């Protein structure tokens, strides 16, 4: 649990969210470090917690959800703005 009483990200969620710290606009990747698609449940859980937000639509792959890290997500993983 975090100080605010909310659920903390799981290790997998933290890894995904942390990758947004180094990307322009906090863009979160669609694929992990090994080239596998990030599990939809990881993305959905982070969206539901407010740690990520939908950002852009991918016209080539409309079923892919392109997200970015929120300030809440940065705080949840101990990152800075």
N, C-alpha and C. Protein backbone atom coordinates (compact mmCIF):
# COMPACT_ATOMS: atom_id res chain seq x y z
N UNK A 1 0.83 -1.19 0.00
CA UNK A 1 0.00 0.00 0.00
C UNK A 1 0.87 1.25 0.00
N UNK A 2 0.44 2.24 -0.71
CA UNK A 2 1.16 3.51 -0.72
C UNK A 2 0.65 4.38 0.44
N UNK A 3 1.29 5.53 0.62
CA UNK A 3 0.89 6.45 1.69
C UNK A 3 -0.55 6.91 1.55
N UNK A 4 -1.04 7.03 0.33
CA UNK A 4 -2.39 7.53 0.11
C UNK A 4 -3.44 6.45 0.32
N UNK A 5 -3.03 5.23 0.66
CA UNK A 5 -3.97 4.15 0.90
C UNK A 5 -4.43 3.44 -0.36
N UNK A 6 -3.81 3.73 -1.48
CA UNK A 6 -4.16 3.06 -2.72
C UNK A 6 -3.25 1.87 -2.94
N UNK A 7 -3.64 1.03 -3.82
CA UNK A 7 -2.85 -0.15 -4.15
C UNK A 7 -1.58 0.27 -4.87
N UNK A 8 -0.49 -0.40 -4.57
CA UNK A 8 0.78 -0.14 -5.25
C UNK A 8 0.87 -1.00 -6.51
N UNK A 9 1.60 -0.53 -7.50
CA UNK A 9 1.77 -1.34 -8.72
C UNK A 9 2.52 -2.65 -8.42
N UNK A 10 2.17 -3.68 -9.17
CA UNK A 10 2.88 -4.94 -9.08
C UNK A 10 4.26 -4.76 -9.72
N UNK A 11 5.18 -5.71 -9.53
CA UNK A 11 6.48 -5.59 -10.19
C UNK A 11 6.36 -5.45 -11.72
N UNK A 12 5.47 -6.20 -12.34
CA UNK A 12 5.30 -6.10 -13.81
C UNK A 12 4.77 -4.73 -14.20
N UNK A 13 3.82 -4.21 -13.42
CA UNK A 13 3.28 -2.89 -13.71
C UNK A 13 4.34 -1.82 -13.52
N UNK A 14 5.15 -1.94 -12.46
CA UNK A 14 6.22 -0.98 -12.23
C UNK A 14 7.22 -0.96 -13.38
N UNK A 15 7.58 -2.16 -13.89
CA UNK A 15 8.53 -2.22 -15.02
C UNK A 15 7.97 -1.49 -16.23
N UNK A 16 6.69 -1.72 -16.51
CA UNK A 16 6.06 -1.08 -17.68
C UNK A 16 5.99 0.43 -17.48
N UNK A 17 5.51 0.86 -16.32
CA UNK A 17 5.37 2.29 -16.05
C UNK A 17 6.72 3.00 -16.07
N UNK A 18 7.75 2.36 -15.52
CA UNK A 18 9.09 2.97 -15.46
C UNK A 18 9.63 3.27 -16.85
N UNK A 19 9.25 2.50 -17.83
CA UNK A 19 9.74 2.74 -19.18
C UNK A 19 9.23 4.05 -19.75
N UNK A 20 8.13 4.57 -19.21
CA UNK A 20 7.61 5.86 -19.65
C UNK A 20 8.40 7.04 -19.13
N UNK A 21 9.23 6.80 -18.10
CA UNK A 21 10.02 7.89 -17.52
C UNK A 21 11.04 8.47 -18.49
N UNK A 22 11.50 7.66 -19.43
CA UNK A 22 12.55 8.10 -20.34
C UNK A 22 12.03 8.44 -21.74
N UNK A 23 10.73 8.34 -21.94
CA UNK A 23 10.16 8.59 -23.27
C UNK A 23 9.51 9.97 -23.35
N UNK A 24 9.56 10.56 -24.52
CA UNK A 24 8.92 11.87 -24.74
C UNK A 24 7.45 11.78 -24.38
N UNK A 25 6.99 12.71 -23.56
CA UNK A 25 5.59 12.75 -23.17
C UNK A 25 5.17 11.62 -22.26
N UNK A 26 6.12 10.80 -21.80
CA UNK A 26 5.79 9.67 -20.93
C UNK A 26 5.17 8.50 -21.66
N UNK A 27 5.40 8.42 -22.99
CA UNK A 27 4.81 7.34 -23.80
C UNK A 27 5.21 5.98 -23.24
N UNK A 28 4.21 5.13 -23.08
CA UNK A 28 4.44 3.77 -22.59
C UNK A 28 4.52 2.81 -23.76
N UNK A 29 5.40 1.82 -23.67
CA UNK A 29 5.63 0.92 -24.80
C UNK A 29 4.50 -0.09 -25.01
N UNK A 30 4.37 -0.54 -26.23
CA UNK A 30 3.42 -1.59 -26.56
C UNK A 30 4.05 -2.97 -26.36
N UNK A 31 5.39 -3.00 -26.35
CA UNK A 31 6.11 -4.27 -26.25
C UNK A 31 7.12 -4.21 -25.11
N UNK A 32 7.39 -5.36 -24.50
CA UNK A 32 8.37 -5.40 -23.41
C UNK A 32 9.79 -5.42 -23.97
N UNK A 33 10.75 -5.52 -23.08
CA UNK A 33 12.16 -5.47 -23.48
C UNK A 33 12.57 -6.64 -24.38
N UNK A 34 11.77 -7.70 -24.37
CA UNK A 34 12.08 -8.88 -25.19
C UNK A 34 11.23 -8.97 -26.45
N UNK A 35 10.48 -7.89 -26.73
CA UNK A 35 9.70 -7.85 -27.96
C UNK A 35 8.31 -8.46 -27.87
N UNK A 36 7.90 -8.87 -26.67
CA UNK A 36 6.55 -9.44 -26.50
C UNK A 36 5.57 -8.31 -26.19
N UNK A 37 4.35 -8.46 -26.67
CA UNK A 37 3.32 -7.47 -26.41
C UNK A 37 3.06 -7.37 -24.90
N UNK A 38 2.94 -6.15 -24.39
CA UNK A 38 2.63 -5.95 -22.97
C UNK A 38 1.22 -6.52 -22.75
N UNK A 39 1.04 -7.36 -21.72
CA UNK A 39 -0.29 -7.95 -21.49
C UNK A 39 -1.38 -6.89 -21.30
N UNK A 40 -2.50 -7.12 -21.95
CA UNK A 40 -3.62 -6.18 -21.88
C UNK A 40 -4.06 -5.96 -20.43
N UNK A 41 -4.00 -7.00 -19.60
CA UNK A 41 -4.43 -6.85 -18.20
C UNK A 41 -3.49 -5.90 -17.43
N UNK A 42 -2.22 -5.86 -17.80
CA UNK A 42 -1.28 -4.92 -17.17
C UNK A 42 -1.68 -3.50 -17.53
N UNK A 43 -1.94 -3.27 -18.80
CA UNK A 43 -2.33 -1.94 -19.27
C UNK A 43 -3.66 -1.53 -18.64
N UNK A 44 -4.64 -2.42 -18.65
CA UNK A 44 -5.96 -2.09 -18.11
C UNK A 44 -5.91 -1.79 -16.61
N UNK A 45 -5.10 -2.55 -15.87
CA UNK A 45 -4.98 -2.32 -14.42
C UNK A 45 -4.34 -0.95 -14.15
N UNK A 46 -3.34 -0.59 -14.94
CA UNK A 46 -2.68 0.71 -14.77
C UNK A 46 -3.62 1.85 -15.15
N UNK A 47 -4.43 1.66 -16.17
CA UNK A 47 -5.42 2.67 -16.55
C UNK A 47 -6.45 2.83 -15.43
N UNK A 48 -6.94 1.72 -14.90
CA UNK A 48 -7.95 1.76 -13.84
C UNK A 48 -7.43 2.44 -12.58
N UNK A 49 -6.14 2.27 -12.29
CA UNK A 49 -5.53 2.88 -11.10
C UNK A 49 -5.18 4.34 -11.32
N UNK A 50 -5.22 4.80 -12.58
CA UNK A 50 -4.87 6.19 -12.88
C UNK A 50 -3.38 6.41 -13.08
N UNK A 51 -2.61 5.34 -13.18
CA UNK A 51 -1.15 5.46 -13.37
C UNK A 51 -0.79 5.69 -14.83
N UNK A 52 -1.72 5.38 -15.72
CA UNK A 52 -1.53 5.58 -17.16
C UNK A 52 -2.84 6.12 -17.71
N UNK A 53 -2.74 6.75 -18.88
CA UNK A 53 -3.95 7.24 -19.53
C UNK A 53 -3.82 7.01 -21.03
N UNK A 54 -4.96 6.79 -21.69
CA UNK A 54 -4.92 6.64 -23.15
C UNK A 54 -4.33 7.92 -23.75
N UNK A 55 -3.54 7.74 -24.81
CA UNK A 55 -2.89 8.91 -25.39
C UNK A 55 -3.23 9.09 -26.86
N UNK A 56 -3.03 8.07 -27.64
CA UNK A 56 -3.23 8.21 -29.08
C UNK A 56 -3.78 6.91 -29.66
N UNK A 57 -4.46 7.03 -30.75
CA UNK A 57 -4.96 5.87 -31.49
C UNK A 57 -3.91 5.49 -32.54
N UNK A 58 -3.77 4.21 -32.76
CA UNK A 58 -2.87 3.71 -33.79
C UNK A 58 -3.72 3.33 -34.99
N UNK A 59 -3.69 4.11 -36.08
CA UNK A 59 -4.55 3.82 -37.22
C UNK A 59 -4.24 2.49 -37.90
N UNK A 60 -3.02 2.03 -37.78
CA UNK A 60 -2.64 0.76 -38.40
C UNK A 60 -3.13 -0.43 -37.56
N UNK A 61 -3.09 -0.28 -36.25
CA UNK A 61 -3.53 -1.34 -35.33
C UNK A 61 -4.50 -0.72 -34.32
N UNK A 62 -5.75 -0.49 -34.70
CA UNK A 62 -6.70 0.20 -33.81
C UNK A 62 -6.97 -0.54 -32.49
N UNK A 63 -6.66 -1.83 -32.42
CA UNK A 63 -6.88 -2.57 -31.17
C UNK A 63 -5.75 -2.34 -30.16
N UNK A 64 -4.65 -1.72 -30.58
CA UNK A 64 -3.56 -1.40 -29.67
C UNK A 64 -3.87 -0.09 -28.95
N UNK A 65 -3.68 -0.10 -27.65
CA UNK A 65 -3.94 1.08 -26.84
C UNK A 65 -2.63 1.76 -26.52
N UNK A 66 -2.40 2.93 -27.11
CA UNK A 66 -1.18 3.70 -26.86
C UNK A 66 -1.45 4.59 -25.64
N UNK A 67 -0.62 4.44 -24.62
CA UNK A 67 -0.83 5.15 -23.36
C UNK A 67 0.39 5.97 -22.98
N UNK A 68 0.17 6.83 -22.00
CA UNK A 68 1.29 7.58 -21.43
C UNK A 68 1.17 7.55 -19.91
N UNK A 69 2.29 7.77 -19.29
CA UNK A 69 2.41 7.79 -17.84
C UNK A 69 1.75 9.06 -17.29
N UNK A 70 1.00 8.92 -16.21
CA UNK A 70 0.41 10.08 -15.55
C UNK A 70 1.29 10.50 -14.37
N UNK A 71 1.01 11.66 -13.82
CA UNK A 71 1.74 12.10 -12.62
C UNK A 71 1.54 11.10 -11.50
N UNK A 72 0.35 10.57 -11.39
CA UNK A 72 0.05 9.56 -10.38
C UNK A 72 0.92 8.31 -10.60
N UNK A 73 1.11 7.95 -11.85
CA UNK A 73 1.96 6.81 -12.19
C UNK A 73 3.40 7.07 -11.81
N UNK A 74 3.88 8.28 -12.07
CA UNK A 74 5.24 8.66 -11.69
C UNK A 74 5.42 8.52 -10.18
N UNK A 75 4.46 9.02 -9.45
CA UNK A 75 4.53 8.94 -7.98
C UNK A 75 4.48 7.50 -7.50
N UNK A 76 3.66 6.68 -8.14
CA UNK A 76 3.51 5.28 -7.72
C UNK A 76 4.80 4.49 -7.87
N UNK A 77 5.64 4.91 -8.82
CA UNK A 77 6.92 4.19 -9.01
C UNK A 77 8.11 4.97 -8.50
N UNK A 78 7.84 6.10 -7.85
CA UNK A 78 8.92 6.89 -7.28
C UNK A 78 9.70 7.72 -8.28
N UNK A 79 9.12 7.96 -9.45
CA UNK A 79 9.79 8.78 -10.46
C UNK A 79 9.53 10.25 -10.25
N UNK A 80 10.31 11.05 -10.91
CA UNK A 80 10.16 12.51 -10.82
C UNK A 80 9.59 13.03 -12.12
N UNK A 81 9.00 14.21 -12.04
CA UNK A 81 8.42 14.84 -13.24
C UNK A 81 9.51 15.31 -14.16
